[in-house]
PDB file of N, CA and C in Angstrom:
ATOM      1  N   UNK A   1      67.471  43.909 168.585  1.00  0.00           N
ATOM      2  CA  UNK A   1      68.909  44.116 168.649  1.00  0.00           C
ATOM      3  C   UNK A   1      69.406  43.633 170.006  1.00  0.00           C
ATOM      4  N   UNK A   2      70.563  42.969 170.020  1.00  0.00           N
ATOM      5  CA  UNK A   2      71.136  42.457 171.257  1.00  0.00           C
ATOM      6  C   UNK A   2      72.433  43.173 171.609  1.00  0.00           C
ATOM      7  N   UNK A   3      72.725  43.225 172.882  1.00  0.00           N
ATOM      8  CA  UNK A   3      73.919  43.864 173.413  1.00  0.00           C
ATOM      9  C   UNK A   3      75.166  43.108 172.947  1.00  0.00           C
ATOM     10  N   UNK A   4      76.180  43.830 172.448  1.00  0.00           N
ATOM     11  CA  UNK A   4      77.408  43.153 172.045  1.00  0.00           C
ATOM     12  C   UNK A   4      78.169  42.557 173.229  1.00  0.00           C
ATOM     13  N   UNK A   5      77.962  43.086 174.418  1.00  0.00           N
ATOM     14  CA  UNK A   5      78.722  42.655 175.593  1.00  0.00           C
ATOM     15  C   UNK A   5      78.104  41.430 176.266  1.00  0.00           C
ATOM     16  N   UNK A   6      76.809  41.517 176.610  1.00  0.00           N
ATOM     17  CA  UNK A   6      76.197  40.430 177.390  1.00  0.00           C
ATOM     18  C   UNK A   6      75.121  39.665 176.626  1.00  0.00           C
ATOM     19  N   UNK A   7      74.834  40.093 175.393  1.00  0.00           N
ATOM     20  CA  UNK A   7      73.877  39.437 174.487  1.00  0.00           C
ATOM     21  C   UNK A   7      72.418  39.590 174.904  1.00  0.00           C
ATOM     22  N   UNK A   8      72.127  40.397 175.904  1.00  0.00           N
ATOM     23  CA  UNK A   8      70.739  40.651 176.313  1.00  0.00           C
ATOM     24  C   UNK A   8      70.087  41.612 175.318  1.00  0.00           C
ATOM     25  N   UNK A   9      68.780  41.710 175.379  1.00  0.00           N
ATOM     26  CA  UNK A   9      68.055  42.617 174.499  1.00  0.00           C
ATOM     27  C   UNK A   9      68.347  44.074 174.820  1.00  0.00           C
ATOM     28  N   UNK A  10      68.310  44.888 173.783  1.00  0.00           N
ATOM     29  CA  UNK A  10      68.505  46.329 173.943  1.00  0.00           C
ATOM     30  C   UNK A  10      67.137  47.003 173.909  1.00  0.00           C
ATOM     31  N   UNK A  11      67.031  48.089 174.622  1.00  0.00           N
ATOM     32  CA  UNK A  11      65.788  48.860 174.698  1.00  0.00           C
ATOM     33  C   UNK A  11      66.040  50.239 174.128  1.00  0.00           C
ATOM     34  N   UNK A  12      65.132  50.732 173.295  1.00  0.00           N
ATOM     35  CA  UNK A  12      65.311  52.064 172.721  1.00  0.00           C
ATOM     36  C   UNK A  12      64.978  53.137 173.743  1.00  0.00           C
ATOM     37  N   UNK A  13      65.769  54.188 173.699  1.00  0.00           N
ATOM     38  CA  UNK A  13      65.657  55.282 174.647  1.00  0.00           C
ATOM     39  C   UNK A  13      65.639  56.583 173.844  1.00  0.00           C
ATOM     40  N   UNK A  14      64.554  57.336 173.944  1.00  0.00           N
ATOM     41  CA  UNK A  14      64.434  58.600 173.213  1.00  0.00           C
ATOM     42  C   UNK A  14      65.195  59.695 173.944  1.00  0.00           C
ATOM     43  N   UNK A  15      66.129  60.330 173.227  1.00  0.00           N
ATOM     44  CA  UNK A  15      66.912  61.435 173.758  1.00  0.00           C
ATOM     45  C   UNK A  15      66.886  62.526 172.692  1.00  0.00           C
ATOM     46  N   UNK A  16      66.125  63.570 172.937  1.00  0.00           N
ATOM     47  CA  UNK A  16      65.949  64.597 171.918  1.00  0.00           C
ATOM     48  C   UNK A  16      65.307  63.985 170.687  1.00  0.00           C
ATOM     49  N   UNK A  17      65.933  64.155 169.539  1.00  0.00           N
ATOM     50  CA  UNK A  17      65.400  63.561 168.315  1.00  0.00           C
ATOM     51  C   UNK A  17      66.119  62.258 167.941  1.00  0.00           C
ATOM     52  N   UNK A  18      66.893  61.719 168.893  1.00  0.00           N
ATOM     53  CA  UNK A  18      67.619  60.466 168.661  1.00  0.00           C
ATOM     54  C   UNK A  18      66.936  59.308 169.385  1.00  0.00           C
ATOM     55  N   UNK A  19      67.150  58.113 168.874  1.00  0.00           N
ATOM     56  CA  UNK A  19      66.763  56.889 169.556  1.00  0.00           C
ATOM     57  C   UNK A  19      68.030  56.101 169.847  1.00  0.00           C
ATOM     58  N   UNK A  20      68.449  56.088 171.107  1.00  0.00           N
ATOM     59  CA  UNK A  20      69.627  55.330 171.523  1.00  0.00           C
ATOM     60  C   UNK A  20      69.185  53.935 171.934  1.00  0.00           C
ATOM     61  N   UNK A  21      70.123  53.020 172.017  1.00  0.00           N
ATOM     62  CA  UNK A  21      69.830  51.663 172.453  1.00  0.00           C
ATOM     63  C   UNK A  21      70.607  51.380 173.726  1.00  0.00           C
ATOM     64  N   UNK A  22      69.890  50.984 174.782  1.00  0.00           N
ATOM     65  CA  UNK A  22      70.519  50.668 176.062  1.00  0.00           C
ATOM     66  C   UNK A  22      70.195  49.226 176.434  1.00  0.00           C
ATOM     67  N   UNK A  23      71.204  48.492 176.871  1.00  0.00           N
ATOM     68  CA  UNK A  23      71.021  47.095 177.253  1.00  0.00           C
ATOM     69  C   UNK A  23      70.133  46.995 178.481  1.00  0.00           C
ATOM     70  N   UNK A  24      69.198  46.060 178.433  1.00  0.00           N
ATOM     71  CA  UNK A  24      68.288  45.841 179.569  1.00  0.00           C
ATOM     72  C   UNK A  24      69.005  45.219 180.768  1.00  0.00           C
ATOM     73  N   UNK A  25      70.136  44.564 180.531  1.00  0.00           N
ATOM     74  CA  UNK A  25      70.838  43.857 181.604  1.00  0.00           C
ATOM     75  C   UNK A  25      72.033  44.652 182.147  1.00  0.00           C
ATOM     76  N   UNK A  26      72.984  44.996 181.274  1.00  0.00           N
ATOM     77  CA  UNK A  26      74.227  45.621 181.738  1.00  0.00           C
ATOM     78  C   UNK A  26      74.234  47.138 181.574  1.00  0.00           C
ATOM     79  N   UNK A  27      73.202  47.696 180.940  1.00  0.00           N
ATOM     80  CA  UNK A  27      73.037  49.139 180.701  1.00  0.00           C
ATOM     81  C   UNK A  27      74.076  49.732 179.761  1.00  0.00           C
ATOM     82  N   UNK A  28      74.771  48.901 179.004  1.00  0.00           N
ATOM     83  CA  UNK A  28      75.676  49.415 177.980  1.00  0.00           C
ATOM     84  C   UNK A  28      74.883  50.191 176.939  1.00  0.00           C
ATOM     85  N   UNK A  29      75.547  51.111 176.255  1.00  0.00           N
ATOM     86  CA  UNK A  29      74.874  51.970 175.271  1.00  0.00           C
ATOM     87  C   UNK A  29      75.425  51.721 173.875  1.00  0.00           C
ATOM     88  N   UNK A  30      74.519  51.550 172.909  1.00  0.00           N
ATOM     89  CA  UNK A  30      74.898  51.486 171.506  1.00  0.00           C
ATOM     90  C   UNK A  30      74.526  52.821 170.868  1.00  0.00           C
ATOM     91  N   UNK A  31      75.503  53.462 170.249  1.00  0.00           N
ATOM     92  CA  UNK A  31      75.290  54.751 169.599  1.00  0.00           C
ATOM     93  C   UNK A  31      75.548  54.600 168.109  1.00  0.00           C
ATOM     94  N   UNK A  32      74.602  55.030 167.301  1.00  0.00           N
ATOM     95  CA  UNK A  32      74.793  55.030 165.859  1.00  0.00           C
ATOM     96  C   UNK A  32      75.775  56.142 165.494  1.00  0.00           C
ATOM     97  N   UNK A  33      76.296  56.069 164.286  1.00  0.00           N
ATOM     98  CA  UNK A  33      77.264  57.044 163.798  1.00  0.00           C
ATOM     99  C   UNK A  33      76.750  58.474 164.013  1.00  0.00           C
ATOM    100  N   UNK A  34      77.555  59.301 164.662  1.00  0.00           N
ATOM    101  CA  UNK A  34      77.217  60.709 164.889  1.00  0.00           C
ATOM    102  C   UNK A  34      76.504  60.999 166.194  1.00  0.00           C
ATOM    103  N   UNK A  35      75.932  59.986 166.834  1.00  0.00           N
ATOM    104  CA  UNK A  35      75.156  60.244 168.057  1.00  0.00           C
ATOM    105  C   UNK A  35      76.031  60.649 169.240  1.00  0.00           C
ATOM    106  N   UNK A  36      77.263  60.162 169.301  1.00  0.00           N
ATOM    107  CA  UNK A  36      78.135  60.547 170.410  1.00  0.00           C
ATOM    108  C   UNK A  36      78.403  62.050 170.382  1.00  0.00           C
ATOM    109  N   UNK A  37      78.637  62.606 169.207  1.00  0.00           N
ATOM    110  CA  UNK A  37      78.876  64.055 169.116  1.00  0.00           C
ATOM    111  C   UNK A  37      77.670  64.846 169.579  1.00  0.00           C
ATOM    112  N   UNK A  38      76.476  64.364 169.272  1.00  0.00           N
ATOM    113  CA  UNK A  38      75.252  65.029 169.738  1.00  0.00           C
ATOM    114  C   UNK A  38      75.121  64.901 171.252  1.00  0.00           C
ATOM    115  N   UNK A  39      75.435  63.727 171.794  1.00  0.00           N
ATOM    116  CA  UNK A  39      75.329  63.522 173.245  1.00  0.00           C
ATOM    117  C   UNK A  39      76.309  64.383 174.030  1.00  0.00           C
ATOM    118  N   UNK A  40      77.457  64.665 173.454  1.00  0.00           N
ATOM    119  CA  UNK A  40      78.458  65.492 174.142  1.00  0.00           C
ATOM    120  C   UNK A  40      77.899  66.873 174.473  1.00  0.00           C
ATOM    121  N   UNK A  41      76.926  67.319 173.701  1.00  0.00           N
ATOM    122  CA  UNK A  41      76.349  68.655 173.888  1.00  0.00           C
ATOM    123  C   UNK A  41      75.253  68.678 174.954  1.00  0.00           C
ATOM    124  N   UNK A  42      74.780  67.497 175.377  1.00  0.00           N
ATOM    125  CA  UNK A  42      73.722  67.414 176.381  1.00  0.00           C
ATOM    126  C   UNK A  42      74.350  67.520 177.767  1.00  0.00           C
ATOM    127  N   UNK A  43      73.832  68.417 178.588  1.00  0.00           N
ATOM    128  CA  UNK A  43      74.406  68.674 179.902  1.00  0.00           C
ATOM    129  C   UNK A  43      74.255  67.502 180.863  1.00  0.00           C
ATOM    130  N   UNK A  44      73.042  67.008 181.039  1.00  0.00           N
ATOM    131  CA  UNK A  44      72.789  65.963 182.033  1.00  0.00           C
ATOM    132  C   UNK A  44      72.530  64.639 181.329  1.00  0.00           C
ATOM    133  N   UNK A  45      73.504  63.737 181.408  1.00  0.00           N
ATOM    134  CA  UNK A  45      73.334  62.421 180.800  1.00  0.00           C
ATOM    135  C   UNK A  45      73.042  61.345 181.849  1.00  0.00           C
ATOM    136  N   UNK A  46      72.756  61.758 183.075  1.00  0.00           N
ATOM    137  CA  UNK A  46      72.499  60.805 184.154  1.00  0.00           C
ATOM    138  C   UNK A  46      71.346  59.859 183.873  1.00  0.00           C
ATOM    139  N   UNK A  47      70.331  60.327 183.173  1.00  0.00           N
ATOM    140  CA  UNK A  47      69.193  59.459 182.867  1.00  0.00           C
ATOM    141  C   UNK A  47      69.493  58.542 181.682  1.00  0.00           C
ATOM    142  N   UNK A  48      70.576  58.827 180.946  1.00  0.00           N
ATOM    143  CA  UNK A  48      70.967  57.996 179.816  1.00  0.00           C
ATOM    144  C   UNK A  48      71.944  56.919 180.268  1.00  0.00           C
ATOM    145  N   UNK A  49      72.987  57.336 180.982  1.00  0.00           N
ATOM    146  CA  UNK A  49      74.036  56.427 181.447  1.00  0.00           C
ATOM    147  C   UNK A  49      73.801  56.123 182.917  1.00  0.00           C
ATOM    148  N   UNK A  50      73.267  54.947 183.182  1.00  0.00           N
ATOM    149  CA  UNK A  50      72.853  54.590 184.544  1.00  0.00           C
ATOM    150  C   UNK A  50      73.964  53.981 185.382  1.00  0.00           C
ATOM    151  N   UNK A  51      75.144  53.770 184.805  1.00  0.00           N
ATOM    152  CA  UNK A  51      76.218  53.101 185.537  1.00  0.00           C
ATOM    153  C   UNK A  51      75.999  51.595 185.539  1.00  0.00           C
ATOM    154  N   UNK A  52      76.962  50.869 186.054  1.00  0.00           N
ATOM    155  CA  UNK A  52      76.893  49.403 186.056  1.00  0.00           C
ATOM    156  C   UNK A  52      75.900  48.945 187.115  1.00  0.00           C
ATOM    157  N   UNK A  53      74.918  48.118 186.720  1.00  0.00           N
ATOM    158  CA  UNK A  53      73.948  47.622 187.699  1.00  0.00           C
ATOM    159  C   UNK A  53      74.609  46.692 188.717  1.00  0.00           C
ATOM    160  N   UNK A  54      74.109  46.739 189.918  1.00  0.00           N
ATOM    161  CA  UNK A  54      74.634  45.897 190.987  1.00  0.00           C
ATOM    162  C   UNK A  54      74.472  44.422 190.635  1.00  0.00           C
ATOM    163  N   UNK A  55      75.513  43.654 190.850  1.00  0.00           N
ATOM    164  CA  UNK A  55      75.460  42.211 190.633  1.00  0.00           C
ATOM    165  C   UNK A  55      75.730  41.758 189.207  1.00  0.00           C
ATOM    166  N   UNK A  56      75.982  42.681 188.296  1.00  0.00           N
ATOM    167  CA  UNK A  56      76.259  42.307 186.906  1.00  0.00           C
ATOM    168  C   UNK A  56      77.766  42.270 186.702  1.00  0.00           C
ATOM    169  N   UNK A  57      78.277  41.113 186.297  1.00  0.00           N
ATOM    170  CA  UNK A  57      79.699  40.936 186.015  1.00  0.00           C
ATOM    171  C   UNK A  57      79.904  40.957 184.508  1.00  0.00           C
ATOM    172  N   UNK A  58      80.775  41.818 184.030  1.00  0.00           N
ATOM    173  CA  UNK A  58      81.019  41.935 182.597  1.00  0.00           C
ATOM    174  C   UNK A  58      82.490  41.717 182.296  1.00  0.00           C
ATOM    175  N   UNK A  59      82.817  40.531 181.901  1.00  0.00           N
ATOM    176  CA  UNK A  59      84.206  40.226 181.602  1.00  0.00           C
ATOM    177  C   UNK A  59      84.384  39.713 180.180  1.00  0.00           C
ATOM    178  N   UNK A  60      83.453  40.020 179.273  1.00  0.00           N
ATOM    179  CA  UNK A  60      83.591  39.577 177.882  1.00  0.00           C
ATOM    180  C   UNK A  60      84.811  40.260 177.266  1.00  0.00           C
ATOM    181  N   UNK A  61      85.759  39.475 176.739  1.00  0.00           N
ATOM    182  CA  UNK A  61      86.934  40.087 176.107  1.00  0.00           C
ATOM    183  C   UNK A  61      86.526  40.970 174.927  1.00  0.00           C
ATOM    184  N   UNK A  62      87.101  42.160 174.866  1.00  0.00           N
ATOM    185  CA  UNK A  62      86.743  43.129 173.833  1.00  0.00           C
ATOM    186  C   UNK A  62      86.945  42.584 172.423  1.00  0.00           C
ATOM    187  N   UNK A  63      87.963  41.751 172.240  1.00  0.00           N
ATOM    188  CA  UNK A  63      88.255  41.260 170.888  1.00  0.00           C
ATOM    189  C   UNK A  63      87.222  40.260 170.372  1.00  0.00           C
ATOM    190  N   UNK A  64      86.292  39.837 171.228  1.00  0.00           N
ATOM    191  CA  UNK A  64      85.253  38.900 170.816  1.00  0.00           C
ATOM    192  C   UNK A  64      83.917  39.576 170.518  1.00  0.00           C
ATOM    193  N   UNK A  65      83.828  40.872 170.740  1.00  0.00           N
ATOM    194  CA  UNK A  65      82.556  41.565 170.592  1.00  0.00           C
ATOM    195  C   UNK A  65      82.208  41.797 169.123  1.00  0.00           C
ATOM    196  N   UNK A  66      80.914  41.663 168.816  1.00  0.00           N
ATOM    197  CA  UNK A  66      80.401  41.858 167.459  1.00  0.00           C
ATOM    198  C   UNK A  66      79.400  43.003 167.453  1.00  0.00           C
ATOM    199  N   UNK A  67      79.351  43.713 166.347  1.00  0.00           N
ATOM    200  CA  UNK A  67      78.431  44.829 166.171  1.00  0.00           C
ATOM    201  C   UNK A  67      76.981  44.340 166.281  1.00  0.00           C
ATOM    202  N   UNK A  68      76.179  45.095 166.993  1.00  0.00           N
ATOM    203  CA  UNK A  68      74.764  44.758 167.153  1.00  0.00           C
ATOM    204  C   UNK A  68      73.980  44.941 165.872  1.00  0.00           C
ATOM    205  N   UNK A  69      74.475  45.769 164.975  1.00  0.00           N
ATOM    206  CA  UNK A  69      73.750  46.063 163.735  1.00  0.00           C
ATOM    207  C   UNK A  69      74.197  45.177 162.572  1.00  0.00           C
ATOM    208  N   UNK A  70      75.507  45.145 162.299  1.00  0.00           N
ATOM    209  CA  UNK A  70      75.976  44.448 161.087  1.00  0.00           C
ATOM    210  C   UNK A  70      76.818  43.202 161.382  1.00  0.00           C
ATOM    211  N   UNK A  71      77.035  42.894 162.646  1.00  0.00           N
ATOM    212  CA  UNK A  71      77.722  41.682 163.089  1.00  0.00           C
ATOM    213  C   UNK A  71      79.226  41.671 162.808  1.00  0.00           C
ATOM    214  N   UNK A  72      79.809  42.783 162.380  1.00  0.00           N
ATOM    215  CA  UNK A  72      81.263  42.872 162.200  1.00  0.00           C
ATOM    216  C   UNK A  72      81.946  42.795 163.565  1.00  0.00           C
ATOM    217  N   UNK A  73      83.210  42.401 163.556  1.00  0.00           N
ATOM    218  CA  UNK A  73      83.976  42.405 164.797  1.00  0.00           C
ATOM    219  C   UNK A  73      84.243  43.858 165.192  1.00  0.00           C
ATOM    220  N   UNK A  74      83.996  44.189 166.455  1.00  0.00           N
ATOM    221  CA  UNK A  74      84.224  45.552 166.941  1.00  0.00           C
ATOM    222  C   UNK A  74      85.699  45.775 167.226  1.00  0.00           C
ATOM    223  N   UNK A  75      86.159  46.976 166.965  1.00  0.00           N
ATOM    224  CA  UNK A  75      87.523  47.380 167.288  1.00  0.00           C
ATOM    225  C   UNK A  75      87.518  48.122 168.608  1.00  0.00           C
ATOM    226  N   UNK A  76      88.533  47.891 169.421  1.00  0.00           N
ATOM    227  CA  UNK A  76      88.661  48.608 170.686  1.00  0.00           C
ATOM    228  C   UNK A  76      89.492  49.857 170.461  1.00  0.00           C
ATOM    229  N   UNK A  77      88.960  50.982 170.908  1.00  0.00           N
ATOM    230  CA  UNK A  77      89.669  52.262 170.843  1.00  0.00           C
ATOM    231  C   UNK A  77      90.075  52.623 172.261  1.00  0.00           C
ATOM    232  N   UNK A  78      91.305  53.082 172.404  1.00  0.00           N
ATOM    233  CA  UNK A  78      91.788  53.493 173.716  1.00  0.00           C
ATOM    234  C   UNK A  78      92.321  54.913 173.617  1.00  0.00           C
ATOM    235  N   UNK A  79      91.754  55.774 174.420  1.00  0.00           N
ATOM    236  CA  UNK A  79      92.282  57.122 174.567  1.00  0.00           C
ATOM    237  C   UNK A  79      92.332  57.324 176.069  1.00  0.00           C
ATOM    238  N   UNK A  80      91.577  58.207 176.582  1.00  0.00           N
ATOM    239  CA  UNK A  80      91.445  58.320 178.029  1.00  0.00           C
ATOM    240  C   UNK A  80      90.351  57.390 178.525  1.00  0.00           C
ATOM    241  N   UNK A  81      89.610  56.780 177.605  1.00  0.00           N
ATOM    242  CA  UNK A  81      88.624  55.745 177.897  1.00  0.00           C
ATOM    243  C   UNK A  81      88.841  54.606 176.914  1.00  0.00           C
ATOM    244  N   UNK A  82      88.251  53.471 177.216  1.00  0.00           N
ATOM    245  CA  UNK A  82      88.267  52.353 176.291  1.00  0.00           C
ATOM    246  C   UNK A  82      86.838  52.088 175.853  1.00  0.00           C
ATOM    247  N   UNK A  83      86.622  52.016 174.544  1.00  0.00           N
ATOM    248  CA  UNK A  83      85.290  51.761 174.010  1.00  0.00           C
ATOM    249  C   UNK A  83      85.432  51.013 172.693  1.00  0.00           C
ATOM    250  N   UNK A  84      84.333  50.480 172.188  1.00  0.00           N
ATOM    251  CA  UNK A  84      84.364  49.675 170.982  1.00  0.00           C
ATOM    252  C   UNK A  84      83.661  50.399 169.838  1.00  0.00           C
ATOM    253  N   UNK A  85      84.208  50.250 168.630  1.00  0.00           N
ATOM    254  CA  UNK A  85      83.615  50.865 167.448  1.00  0.00           C
ATOM    255  C   UNK A  85      83.489  49.827 166.335  1.00  0.00           C
ATOM    256  N   UNK A  86      82.524  50.043 165.467  1.00  0.00           N
ATOM    257  CA  UNK A  86      82.331  49.176 164.315  1.00  0.00           C
ATOM    258  C   UNK A  86      82.983  49.817 163.091  1.00  0.00           C
ATOM    259  N   UNK A  87      83.876  49.093 162.421  1.00  0.00           N
ATOM    260  CA  UNK A  87      84.533  49.665 161.247  1.00  0.00           C
ATOM    261  C   UNK A  87      83.603  49.812 160.036  1.00  0.00           C
ATOM    262  N   UNK A  88      82.488  49.094 160.036  1.00  0.00           N
ATOM    263  CA  UNK A  88      81.588  49.150 158.884  1.00  0.00           C
ATOM    264  C   UNK A  88      80.508  50.217 159.049  1.00  0.00           C
ATOM    265  N   UNK A  89      79.686  50.119 160.108  1.00  0.00           N
ATOM    266  CA  UNK A  89      78.577  51.077 160.271  1.00  0.00           C
ATOM    267  C   UNK A  89      78.962  52.271 161.144  1.00  0.00           C
ATOM    268  N   UNK A  90      80.156  52.224 161.748  1.00  0.00           N
ATOM    269  CA  UNK A  90      80.709  53.295 162.582  1.00  0.00           C
ATOM    270  C   UNK A  90      79.936  53.525 163.878  1.00  0.00           C
ATOM    271  N   UNK A  91      79.190  52.506 164.311  1.00  0.00           N
ATOM    272  CA  UNK A  91      78.522  52.576 165.600  1.00  0.00           C
ATOM    273  C   UNK A  91      79.536  52.479 166.724  1.00  0.00           C
ATOM    274  N   UNK A  92      79.106  52.875 167.918  1.00  0.00           N
ATOM    275  CA  UNK A  92      79.978  52.868 169.103  1.00  0.00           C
ATOM    276  C   UNK A  92      79.260  52.155 170.239  1.00  0.00           C
ATOM    277  N   UNK A  93      79.990  51.291 170.954  1.00  0.00           N
ATOM    278  CA  UNK A  93      79.438  50.668 172.149  1.00  0.00           C
ATOM    279  C   UNK A  93      80.198  51.198 173.354  1.00  0.00           C
ATOM    280  N   UNK A  94      79.450  51.731 174.313  1.00  0.00           N
ATOM    281  CA  UNK A  94      80.014  52.216 175.565  1.00  0.00           C
ATOM    282  C   UNK A  94      79.501  51.350 176.699  1.00  0.00           C
ATOM    283  N   UNK A  95      80.405  50.832 177.519  1.00  0.00           N
ATOM    284  CA  UNK A  95      79.971  50.127 178.717  1.00  0.00           C
ATOM    285  C   UNK A  95      79.235  51.103 179.626  1.00  0.00           C
ATOM    286  N   UNK A  96      78.416  50.568 180.497  1.00  0.00           N
ATOM    287  CA  UNK A  96      77.709  51.408 181.462  1.00  0.00           C
ATOM    288  C   UNK A  96      78.724  52.243 182.242  1.00  0.00           C
ATOM    289  N   UNK A  97      78.441  53.518 182.388  1.00  0.00           N
ATOM    290  CA  UNK A  97      79.303  54.431 183.123  1.00  0.00           C
ATOM    291  C   UNK A  97      80.321  55.163 182.262  1.00  0.00           C
ATOM    292  N   UNK A  98      80.607  54.662 181.055  1.00  0.00           N
ATOM    293  CA  UNK A  98      81.644  55.287 180.226  1.00  0.00           C
ATOM    294  C   UNK A  98      81.227  56.638 179.655  1.00  0.00           C
ATOM    295  N   UNK A  99      79.958  56.824 179.342  1.00  0.00           N
ATOM    296  CA  UNK A  99      79.509  58.120 178.834  1.00  0.00           C
ATOM    297  C   UNK A  99      79.700  59.196 179.902  1.00  0.00           C
ATOM    298  N   UNK A 100      79.346  58.878 181.128  1.00  0.00           N
ATOM    299  CA  UNK A 100      79.526  59.840 182.226  1.00  0.00           C
ATOM    300  C   UNK A 100      81.007  60.133 182.446  1.00  0.00           C
ATOM    301  N   UNK A 101      81.847  59.098 182.396  1.00  0.00           N
ATOM    302  CA  UNK A 101      83.287  59.308 182.555  1.00  0.00           C
ATOM    303  C   UNK A 101      83.819  60.198 181.449  1.00  0.00           C
ATOM    304  N   UNK A 102      83.369  59.940 180.222  1.00  0.00           N
ATOM    305  CA  UNK A 102      83.836  60.718 179.071  1.00  0.00           C
ATOM    306  C   UNK A 102      83.489  62.194 179.241  1.00  0.00           C
ATOM    307  N   UNK A 103      82.305  62.491 179.716  1.00  0.00           N
ATOM    308  CA  UNK A 103      81.871  63.883 179.872  1.00  0.00           C
ATOM    309  C   UNK A 103      82.593  64.570 181.032  1.00  0.00           C
ATOM    310  N   UNK A 104      83.045  63.807 182.032  1.00  0.00           N
ATOM    311  CA  UNK A 104      83.637  64.396 183.228  1.00  0.00           C
ATOM    312  C   UNK A 104      85.148  64.509 183.191  1.00  0.00           C
ATOM    313  N   UNK A 105      85.789  63.969 182.168  1.00  0.00           N
ATOM    314  CA  UNK A 105      87.245  64.068 182.076  1.00  0.00           C
ATOM    315  C   UNK A 105      87.651  65.511 181.794  1.00  0.00           C
ATOM    316  N   UNK A 106      88.669  65.957 182.492  1.00  0.00           N
ATOM    317  CA  UNK A 106      89.198  67.293 182.243  1.00  0.00           C
ATOM    318  C   UNK A 106      90.249  67.222 181.142  1.00  0.00           C
ATOM    319  N   UNK A 107      90.611  68.342 180.601  1.00  0.00           N
ATOM    320  CA  UNK A 107      91.641  68.384 179.569  1.00  0.00           C
ATOM    321  C   UNK A 107      92.955  67.817 180.116  1.00  0.00           C
ATOM    322  N   UNK A 108      93.310  68.158 181.353  1.00  0.00           N
ATOM    323  CA  UNK A 108      94.559  67.650 181.941  1.00  0.00           C
ATOM    324  C   UNK A 108      94.538  66.123 182.026  1.00  0.00           C
ATOM    325  N   UNK A 109      93.399  65.533 182.403  1.00  0.00           N
ATOM    326  CA  UNK A 109      93.293  64.075 182.479  1.00  0.00           C
ATOM    327  C   UNK A 109      93.416  63.448 181.089  1.00  0.00           C
ATOM    328  N   UNK A 110      92.845  64.090 180.080  1.00  0.00           N
ATOM    329  CA  UNK A 110      92.944  63.588 178.710  1.00  0.00           C
ATOM    330  C   UNK A 110      94.397  63.576 178.249  1.00  0.00           C
ATOM    331  N   UNK A 111      95.130  64.650 178.558  1.00  0.00           N
ATOM    332  CA  UNK A 111      96.539  64.734 178.159  1.00  0.00           C
ATOM    333  C   UNK A 111      97.364  63.679 178.888  1.00  0.00           C
ATOM    334  N   UNK A 112      97.137  63.517 180.187  1.00  0.00           N
ATOM    335  CA  UNK A 112      97.843  62.491 180.939  1.00  0.00           C
ATOM    336  C   UNK A 112      97.557  61.103 180.368  1.00  0.00           C
ATOM    337  N   UNK A 113      96.295  60.828 180.046  1.00  0.00           N
ATOM    338  CA  UNK A 113      95.921  59.538 179.463  1.00  0.00           C
ATOM    339  C   UNK A 113      96.574  59.320 178.119  1.00  0.00           C
ATOM    340  N   UNK A 114      96.668  60.351 177.324  1.00  0.00           N
ATOM    341  CA  UNK A 114      97.285  60.256 175.992  1.00  0.00           C
ATOM    342  C   UNK A 114      98.750  59.846 176.108  1.00  0.00           C
ATOM    343  N   UNK A 115      99.442  60.399 177.107  1.00  0.00           N
ATOM    344  CA  UNK A 115     100.856  60.085 177.301  1.00  0.00           C
ATOM    345  C   UNK A 115     101.091  58.922 178.258  1.00  0.00           C
ATOM    346  N   UNK A 116      99.995  58.249 178.667  1.00  0.00           N
ATOM    347  CA  UNK A 116     100.135  57.084 179.527  1.00  0.00           C
ATOM    348  C   UNK A 116     100.576  57.415 180.939  1.00  0.00           C
ATOM    349  N   UNK A 117     100.207  58.579 181.425  1.00  0.00           N
ATOM    350  CA  UNK A 117     100.621  59.013 182.754  1.00  0.00           C
ATOM    351  C   UNK A 117      99.561  58.777 183.812  1.00  0.00           C
ATOM    352  N   UNK A 118      98.487  58.074 183.455  1.00  0.00           N
ATOM    353  CA  UNK A 118      97.416  57.837 184.422  1.00  0.00           C
ATOM    354  C   UNK A 118      96.472  58.992 184.495  1.00  0.00           C
ATOM    355  N   UNK A 119      95.386  58.819 185.260  1.00  0.00           N
ATOM    356  CA  UNK A 119      94.363  59.861 185.291  1.00  0.00           C
ATOM    357  C   UNK A 119      94.289  60.484 186.603  1.00  0.00           C
TER     358      UNK A 119
END
């Protein structure tokens, strides 16, 4: 499986009873349907989401990204974060650092983001 963002190979990462896929180059995460809800319950995701590696530039336009599993065009979702989802297999792609950001957002920041008031 290849990363939808940088096209590098993905590496499987065992987290509990799940196997997540993390890009070897940009550290983006591919989550199968339902895995994000399970990850939200895990306290320390630091070993899962390593942040953006030094020296890696990621400027691939979101509208060009394809699903790593079924090759469908990914849709960009924007709430208090921006991430990509597959309309067919319902997988989710998170750029490096986005899982940590998602877990650290407060309710007030989510509400501000929803109304476009900044974070």
